[in-house]
Protein backbone atom coordinates (compact mmCIF):
# COMPACT_ATOMS: atom_id res chain seq x y z
CA MET A 1 11.37 213.71 65.55
CA ILE A 2 13.50 216.08 63.48
CA GLU A 3 14.53 217.95 66.61
CA VAL A 4 15.69 214.67 68.14
CA LEU A 5 17.70 213.85 65.04
CA LEU A 6 19.30 217.29 65.11
CA LEU A 7 20.51 216.60 68.66
CA GLY A 8 22.98 214.20 67.05
CA ARG A 9 24.99 217.23 65.95
CA HIS A 10 25.81 218.07 69.58
CA LEU A 11 25.58 214.74 71.43
CA HIS A 12 27.18 211.38 70.91
CA HIS A 13 24.98 208.61 69.55
CA GLU A 14 25.07 206.58 72.78
CA TYR A 15 23.79 209.51 74.86
CA LEU A 16 21.04 210.20 72.37
CA VAL A 17 19.88 206.57 72.48
CA THR A 18 20.01 206.65 76.29
CA GLY A 19 17.95 209.85 76.30
CA LEU A 20 15.38 208.36 73.94
CA ALA A 21 15.04 205.24 76.08
CA ALA A 22 14.70 207.20 79.33
CA ALA A 23 12.11 209.57 77.86
CA LEU A 24 10.07 206.68 76.46
CA ARG A 25 10.16 204.81 79.79
CA ALA A 26 8.87 207.92 81.55
CA GLY A 27 6.19 208.54 78.92
CA ALA A 28 7.66 211.92 77.94
CA LEU A 29 7.27 212.12 74.18
CA THR A 30 8.88 215.49 73.47
CA ALA A 31 12.22 216.46 72.00
CA ASP A 32 12.95 218.54 75.11
CA ALA A 33 12.63 215.46 77.32
CA VAL A 34 14.95 213.48 75.07
CA ALA A 35 17.49 216.31 75.05
CA LEU A 36 17.36 216.66 78.81
CA GLU A 37 17.78 212.94 79.43
CA ALA A 38 20.60 212.68 76.89
CA ARG A 39 22.45 215.57 78.51
CA LYS A 40 21.92 214.06 81.94
CA ALA A 41 23.43 210.80 80.66
CA ALA A 42 26.39 212.67 79.18
CA GLU A 43 26.99 214.59 82.42
CA ALA A 44 26.72 211.43 84.50
CA ASP A 45 29.16 209.65 82.20
CA GLU A 46 31.71 212.45 82.47
CA ALA A 47 31.31 212.80 86.25
CA GLN A 48 31.31 209.11 87.22
CA PRO A 49 32.58 206.79 84.50
CA ALA A 50 32.35 203.61 86.65
CA ARG A 51 28.72 204.01 87.73
CA ALA A 52 26.29 201.18 87.08
CA ASP A 53 22.68 200.99 88.27
CA PRO A 54 21.30 197.46 88.51
CA GLU A 55 17.79 198.67 87.65
CA PRO A 56 17.09 202.13 86.25
CA ASP A 57 14.30 204.19 87.78
CA ARG A 58 11.38 204.31 85.34
CA ALA A 59 10.17 207.71 86.49
CA SER A 60 13.53 209.47 86.40
CA ALA A 61 12.76 211.81 83.50
CA THR A 62 12.76 215.47 84.43
CA PHE A 63 10.78 217.78 82.21
CA LEU A 64 12.64 220.80 80.91
CA THR A 65 10.07 223.27 82.23
CA GLU A 66 10.26 221.78 85.74
CA ARG A 67 14.05 221.94 85.66
CA ARG A 68 14.00 225.59 84.59
CA LEU A 69 11.43 226.51 87.24
CA ALA A 70 13.44 224.77 89.96
CA HIS A 71 16.30 227.23 89.45
CA LEU A 72 14.17 230.38 89.63
CA PRO A 73 14.12 232.54 92.77
CA PRO A 74 10.87 232.54 94.76
CA ASP A 75 8.19 234.95 93.58
CA ASN A 76 7.35 237.28 96.49
CA ARG A 77 5.05 239.59 94.56
CA PRO A 78 1.49 240.02 95.89
CA LEU A 79 -1.31 238.34 93.99
CA PRO A 80 -3.03 240.58 91.46
CA SER A 81 -6.36 242.12 92.40
CA VAL A 82 -9.40 241.72 90.19
CA ALA A 83 -11.60 244.06 92.24
CA ALA A 84 -11.72 246.63 89.42
CA TYR A 85 -13.41 244.08 87.18
CA ASP A 86 -16.36 243.58 89.55
CA GLN A 87 -18.12 246.55 87.99
CA LEU A 88 -18.28 244.62 84.72
CA LEU A 89 -20.30 241.89 86.42
CA ARG A 90 -23.14 244.19 87.48
CA PRO A 91 -26.17 243.96 85.18
CA ARG A 92 -26.78 247.00 83.06
CA ARG A 93 -30.14 248.69 83.11
CA ARG A 94 -31.81 249.25 79.81
CA PRO A 95 -33.06 252.76 79.24
CA GLU A 96 -36.81 252.98 79.42
CA ARG A 97 -38.44 254.16 76.23
CA SER A 98 -41.91 255.45 75.91
CA ALA A 99 -44.30 254.89 73.04
CA VAL A 100 -43.94 258.55 72.13
CA GLU A 101 -40.26 258.14 71.28
CA GLY A 102 -41.07 255.61 68.61
CA ASP A 103 -40.95 252.29 70.44
CA ARG A 104 -42.95 250.10 68.09
CA PRO A 105 -43.58 246.40 68.56
């Protein structure tokens, strides 16, 4: 909650309230979701001041991690191989000891 309150230093009150409402409607209860929704509201207000939705979409919240991952280039690296670890799965044989060596029950 403190992180949400600190957003008031950088965002106007109306955008912060809009971000809180959008995050709560979507069920996203993190400060990142509130910040993202508040910034989206601020950007939408600056871009289109005369925009009015009759009914807001309840699932319009975008999680910050998803937004960051959407802007990453595709990962074309091959999948890692775990073949070297197969030797760890083989059962180890216990050394056989004879009674002469001192194997006592």
